[in-house]
Amino acid sequence: MRIDILSGVPDQLQSPLNTSIVKRARDKGLVEIYVHDIRNWSTDKHRSIDAPPYGGGAGMVLKIEPIASAIRQLLSERDYDEVIF
């Protein structure tokens, strides 16, 4: 089984994915887990993945463009049983 995870903070996922049951499954070759940094698909010079919410207000929201580009590229490289957002 292959799992591709898109994240804005991929380094923070390394520890939980390399311990306990998940680590044992990876070591036995039962699952392959790849964590992708969505900043790699950002098109601006700062590699930003978030923007202020439409209409103003506090906080930030993720841009859809880098996420959609990442999903398109991964889907062009292999078939998936499911894509979960």
N, C-alpha and C. Protein backbone atom coordinates (compact mmCIF):
# COMPACT_ATOMS: atom_id res chain seq x y z
N MET A 1 0.86 -1.17 0.00
CA MET A 1 0.00 0.00 0.00
C MET A 1 0.91 1.23 0.00
N ARG A 2 0.54 2.19 -0.80
CA ARG A 2 1.28 3.45 -0.85
C ARG A 2 0.36 4.57 -0.38
N ILE A 3 0.91 5.42 0.48
CA ILE A 3 0.18 6.59 0.97
C ILE A 3 1.04 7.81 0.70
N ASP A 4 0.48 8.79 0.01
CA ASP A 4 1.14 10.08 -0.21
C ASP A 4 0.41 11.11 0.63
N ILE A 5 1.17 11.85 1.43
CA ILE A 5 0.59 12.88 2.30
C ILE A 5 1.12 14.23 1.86
N LEU A 6 0.22 15.19 1.66
CA LEU A 6 0.61 16.56 1.34
C LEU A 6 0.55 17.38 2.61
N SER A 7 1.62 18.14 2.88
CA SER A 7 1.67 18.90 4.12
C SER A 7 2.46 20.19 3.92
N GLY A 8 2.08 21.20 4.66
CA GLY A 8 2.85 22.43 4.70
C GLY A 8 3.97 22.36 5.71
N VAL A 9 3.93 21.36 6.57
CA VAL A 9 4.96 21.15 7.60
C VAL A 9 5.40 19.68 7.60
N PRO A 10 6.02 19.22 6.53
CA PRO A 10 6.33 17.80 6.40
C PRO A 10 7.31 17.28 7.46
N ASP A 11 8.21 18.11 7.93
CA ASP A 11 9.17 17.66 8.94
C ASP A 11 8.49 17.25 10.24
N GLN A 12 7.37 17.88 10.55
CA GLN A 12 6.67 17.55 11.79
C GLN A 12 5.98 16.20 11.72
N LEU A 13 5.83 15.65 10.53
CA LEU A 13 5.19 14.34 10.39
C LEU A 13 6.17 13.19 10.43
N GLN A 14 7.46 13.47 10.33
CA GLN A 14 8.45 12.39 10.29
C GLN A 14 8.46 11.57 11.58
N SER A 15 8.41 12.21 12.72
CA SER A 15 8.47 11.47 13.98
C SER A 15 7.28 10.53 14.17
N PRO A 16 6.04 11.00 14.02
CA PRO A 16 4.93 10.06 14.22
C PRO A 16 4.87 8.95 13.18
N LEU A 17 5.41 9.18 12.00
CA LEU A 17 5.37 8.16 10.96
C LEU A 17 6.53 7.18 11.05
N ASN A 18 7.45 7.42 11.96
CA ASN A 18 8.61 6.54 12.12
C ASN A 18 8.66 5.90 13.50
N THR A 19 7.50 5.72 14.11
CA THR A 19 7.44 5.09 15.43
C THR A 19 6.27 4.11 15.48
N SER A 20 6.28 3.25 16.45
CA SER A 20 5.17 2.38 16.82
C SER A 20 4.70 1.48 15.68
N ILE A 21 3.41 1.34 15.55
CA ILE A 21 2.80 0.42 14.58
C ILE A 21 3.11 0.83 13.15
N VAL A 22 3.10 2.12 12.90
CA VAL A 22 3.38 2.61 11.55
C VAL A 22 4.81 2.24 11.15
N LYS A 23 5.76 2.40 12.04
CA LYS A 23 7.15 2.04 11.75
C LYS A 23 7.28 0.55 11.46
N ARG A 24 6.62 -0.27 12.25
CA ARG A 24 6.69 -1.72 12.02
C ARG A 24 6.10 -2.09 10.66
N ALA A 25 5.00 -1.46 10.29
CA ALA A 25 4.39 -1.73 8.99
C ALA A 25 5.32 -1.29 7.86
N ARG A 26 5.97 -0.14 8.02
CA ARG A 26 6.92 0.33 7.01
C ARG A 26 8.12 -0.61 6.92
N ASP A 27 8.65 -1.03 8.06
CA ASP A 27 9.81 -1.93 8.08
C ASP A 27 9.51 -3.27 7.40
N LYS A 28 8.28 -3.75 7.55
CA LYS A 28 7.88 -5.02 6.93
C LYS A 28 7.50 -4.87 5.46
N GLY A 29 7.46 -3.61 4.98
CA GLY A 29 7.10 -3.38 3.59
C GLY A 29 5.61 -3.45 3.32
N LEU A 30 4.81 -3.37 4.37
CA LEU A 30 3.35 -3.42 4.21
C LEU A 30 2.79 -2.09 3.72
N VAL A 31 3.50 -1.00 4.01
CA VAL A 31 3.02 0.32 3.61
C VAL A 31 4.23 1.19 3.24
N GLU A 32 4.05 1.99 2.22
CA GLU A 32 5.02 3.01 1.86
C GLU A 32 4.35 4.36 2.09
N ILE A 33 4.98 5.21 2.87
CA ILE A 33 4.40 6.52 3.16
C ILE A 33 5.37 7.59 2.68
N TYR A 34 4.87 8.49 1.83
CA TYR A 34 5.67 9.59 1.30
C TYR A 34 5.00 10.89 1.73
N VAL A 35 5.77 11.77 2.32
CA VAL A 35 5.27 13.07 2.75
C VAL A 35 5.83 14.11 1.79
N HIS A 36 4.93 14.88 1.16
CA HIS A 36 5.31 15.88 0.17
C HIS A 36 5.07 17.28 0.73
N ASP A 37 6.01 18.16 0.52
CA ASP A 37 5.89 19.56 0.94
C ASP A 37 5.14 20.32 -0.15
N ILE A 38 3.95 20.84 0.17
CA ILE A 38 3.17 21.54 -0.85
C ILE A 38 3.82 22.84 -1.28
N ARG A 39 4.80 23.31 -0.52
CA ARG A 39 5.52 24.51 -0.96
C ARG A 39 6.26 24.27 -2.27
N ASN A 40 6.57 23.02 -2.57
CA ASN A 40 7.25 22.69 -3.83
C ASN A 40 6.39 23.01 -5.05
N TRP A 41 5.09 23.13 -4.86
CA TRP A 41 4.19 23.45 -5.96
C TRP A 41 3.72 24.90 -5.93
N SER A 42 4.21 25.68 -5.00
CA SER A 42 3.87 27.10 -4.95
C SER A 42 4.58 27.83 -6.07
N THR A 43 3.95 28.85 -6.61
CA THR A 43 4.53 29.53 -7.78
C THR A 43 5.14 30.89 -7.46
N ASP A 44 4.96 31.41 -6.26
CA ASP A 44 5.55 32.72 -5.98
C ASP A 44 6.95 32.56 -5.40
N LYS A 45 7.70 33.66 -5.38
CA LYS A 45 9.11 33.58 -4.98
C LYS A 45 9.29 33.22 -3.50
N HIS A 46 8.28 33.44 -2.68
CA HIS A 46 8.37 33.11 -1.25
C HIS A 46 7.85 31.71 -0.93
N ARG A 47 7.37 31.01 -1.96
CA ARG A 47 6.82 29.66 -1.81
C ARG A 47 5.68 29.63 -0.79
N SER A 48 4.84 30.65 -0.80
CA SER A 48 3.75 30.72 0.18
C SER A 48 2.62 29.76 -0.19
N ILE A 49 1.98 29.25 0.84
CA ILE A 49 0.88 28.30 0.66
C ILE A 49 -0.40 28.79 1.32
N ASP A 50 -0.33 29.98 1.94
CA ASP A 50 -1.53 30.50 2.59
C ASP A 50 -1.76 31.95 2.18
N ALA A 51 -2.97 32.41 2.43
CA ALA A 51 -3.38 33.77 2.06
C ALA A 51 -4.45 34.23 3.05
N PRO A 52 -4.65 35.54 3.14
CA PRO A 52 -5.73 36.03 4.01
C PRO A 52 -7.09 35.56 3.50
N PRO A 53 -8.06 35.39 4.38
CA PRO A 53 -9.38 34.95 3.92
C PRO A 53 -10.05 36.00 3.04
N TYR A 54 -10.80 35.53 2.07
CA TYR A 54 -11.54 36.42 1.18
C TYR A 54 -12.53 37.23 2.02
N GLY A 55 -12.55 38.51 1.81
CA GLY A 55 -13.45 39.38 2.56
C GLY A 55 -12.85 39.90 3.84
N GLY A 56 -11.60 39.51 4.11
CA GLY A 56 -10.92 40.00 5.31
C GLY A 56 -11.18 39.15 6.52
N GLY A 57 -10.71 39.62 7.64
CA GLY A 57 -10.88 38.88 8.89
C GLY A 57 -9.56 38.32 9.37
N ALA A 58 -9.61 37.72 10.52
CA ALA A 58 -8.40 37.18 11.15
C ALA A 58 -8.04 35.83 10.55
N GLY A 59 -6.77 35.49 10.66
CA GLY A 59 -6.30 34.17 10.26
C GLY A 59 -5.87 34.09 8.81
N MET A 60 -5.53 32.88 8.42
CA MET A 60 -5.08 32.60 7.07
C MET A 60 -5.76 31.31 6.60
N VAL A 61 -5.86 31.15 5.29
CA VAL A 61 -6.40 29.93 4.71
C VAL A 61 -5.40 29.40 3.70
N LEU A 62 -5.43 28.10 3.49
CA LEU A 62 -4.54 27.50 2.50
C LEU A 62 -4.98 27.86 1.10
N LYS A 63 -4.00 28.14 0.23
CA LYS A 63 -4.29 28.37 -1.18
C LYS A 63 -4.59 27.03 -1.84
N ILE A 64 -5.52 27.02 -2.75
CA ILE A 64 -5.86 25.77 -3.43
C ILE A 64 -4.88 25.45 -4.56
N GLU A 65 -4.25 26.48 -5.15
CA GLU A 65 -3.40 26.26 -6.31
C GLU A 65 -2.26 25.28 -6.06
N PRO A 66 -1.44 25.45 -4.99
CA PRO A 66 -0.37 24.47 -4.78
C PRO A 66 -0.89 23.07 -4.48
N ILE A 67 -1.99 22.99 -3.75
CA ILE A 67 -2.55 21.68 -3.42
C ILE A 67 -3.07 20.99 -4.67
N ALA A 68 -3.81 21.73 -5.50
CA ALA A 68 -4.34 21.16 -6.73
C ALA A 68 -3.22 20.74 -7.67
N SER A 69 -2.17 21.54 -7.77
CA SER A 69 -1.04 21.19 -8.64
C SER A 69 -0.36 19.93 -8.15
N ALA A 70 -0.20 19.81 -6.84
CA ALA A 70 0.43 18.61 -6.27
C ALA A 70 -0.41 17.37 -6.56
N ILE A 71 -1.70 17.47 -6.35
CA ILE A 71 -2.59 16.33 -6.60
C ILE A 71 -2.58 15.96 -8.07
N ARG A 72 -2.65 16.96 -8.96
CA ARG A 72 -2.60 16.67 -10.40
C ARG A 72 -1.32 15.93 -10.77
N GLN A 73 -0.19 16.40 -10.26
CA GLN A 73 1.08 15.75 -10.59
C GLN A 73 1.13 14.32 -10.08
N LEU A 74 0.73 14.12 -8.82
CA LEU A 74 0.75 12.77 -8.26
C LEU A 74 -0.20 11.83 -9.01
N LEU A 75 -1.37 12.34 -9.39
CA LEU A 75 -2.32 11.51 -10.15
C LEU A 75 -1.80 11.17 -11.54
N SER A 76 -0.97 12.05 -12.11
CA SER A 76 -0.41 11.76 -13.44
C SER A 76 0.70 10.72 -13.35
N GLU A 77 1.28 10.54 -12.17
CA GLU A 77 2.38 9.60 -12.00
C GLU A 77 1.93 8.20 -11.61
N ARG A 78 0.74 8.06 -11.00
CA ARG A 78 0.28 6.75 -10.57
C ARG A 78 -1.23 6.78 -10.35
N ASP A 79 -1.81 5.60 -10.27
CA ASP A 79 -3.25 5.49 -9.97
C ASP A 79 -3.45 5.32 -8.47
N TYR A 80 -4.50 5.91 -7.96
CA TYR A 80 -4.84 5.80 -6.55
C TYR A 80 -6.24 5.21 -6.42
N ASP A 81 -6.43 4.39 -5.41
CA ASP A 81 -7.77 3.89 -5.12
C ASP A 81 -8.67 4.99 -4.60
N GLU A 82 -8.08 5.88 -3.78
CA GLU A 82 -8.85 6.99 -3.20
C GLU A 82 -7.96 8.21 -3.06
N VAL A 83 -8.57 9.38 -3.15
CA VAL A 83 -7.92 10.65 -2.82
C VAL A 83 -8.75 11.26 -1.72
N ILE A 84 -8.14 11.46 -0.55
CA ILE A 84 -8.85 11.96 0.61
C ILE A 84 -8.34 13.36 0.92
N PHE A 85 -9.25 14.30 1.02
CA PHE A 85 -8.88 15.69 1.31
C PHE A 85 -9.07 15.96 2.78
